[in-house]
């Protein structure tokens, strides 16, 4: 016979958990001393505990484990449960693999953004830009990409020529997103487009990004980190000047933002 401590050591399960299994009727002692209350187990119950843990790790509930261990389940039903669990585990593995791929992509993107930021960051005045553009509002940063794609498709249909520029401005509740082209100072609004003058700023930061279009957002984030290290912060209208987007896997974009000493607002 094994004491509850012995069984715990053999199965690497805590005494507290063995008492819990006893209370649920899953692993009941062979003998309980009526005077001391000490629990005693048969050596064969090591197998039962090991099997219980194995079934738990497969994802079965404790109630299902009890039924399986007591052989109260018809074979066909057991096969069905195992097949279902097999399918669930396969689905989870696929989902985990997809998440791992996304994490690896983001790591590469952030590392690329850090390299671009550290290698190309310059500080200086930013010129005024007159934009002929389409505009919308989004709730948060996660919606910017979809908004840019929709506005770009609409603007492409107008076949306008000129330097493509995206701008972003965070308001109290929404983020204003615009996609347009830089035009001459004498240009006027047309074709349902809005004419806006993005003002010059005395001090700004500029970073040149080269790489997949999907990595631009991470480069904005690394820019904020680089500025913070210099005691600066970005603010106002953020400019995204598309220098070359002919190959979506290797775009060239200039990111610009007004900067000021951190905490000066």
Foldseek 3Di string as FASTA:
>chain_A
DAWLVRLCVLQVNDSVVVVVCCVVVQQPAPDADPVPRTGHHDPVCSVSSNQQVVVVVLPDDSVVSSCVSVVVDDPVVVVVVSVVSVVVVVVVVVVVVVVVVVVVVVVVLLVLLLCQCVPFKDKFKDAKFKWFKDKDKDQDPVCQVVVVVVRVVVVVVVVDDAWWKWKWADDPGIIMIIITHTDDPPDDHDPPTDIDMGHMAGMKMKTKHWFAPVSPVSSVVSNQVVQVVVQKGFHDMKMWTFPAPPDNGTTIIMIMTGMDGPPPD
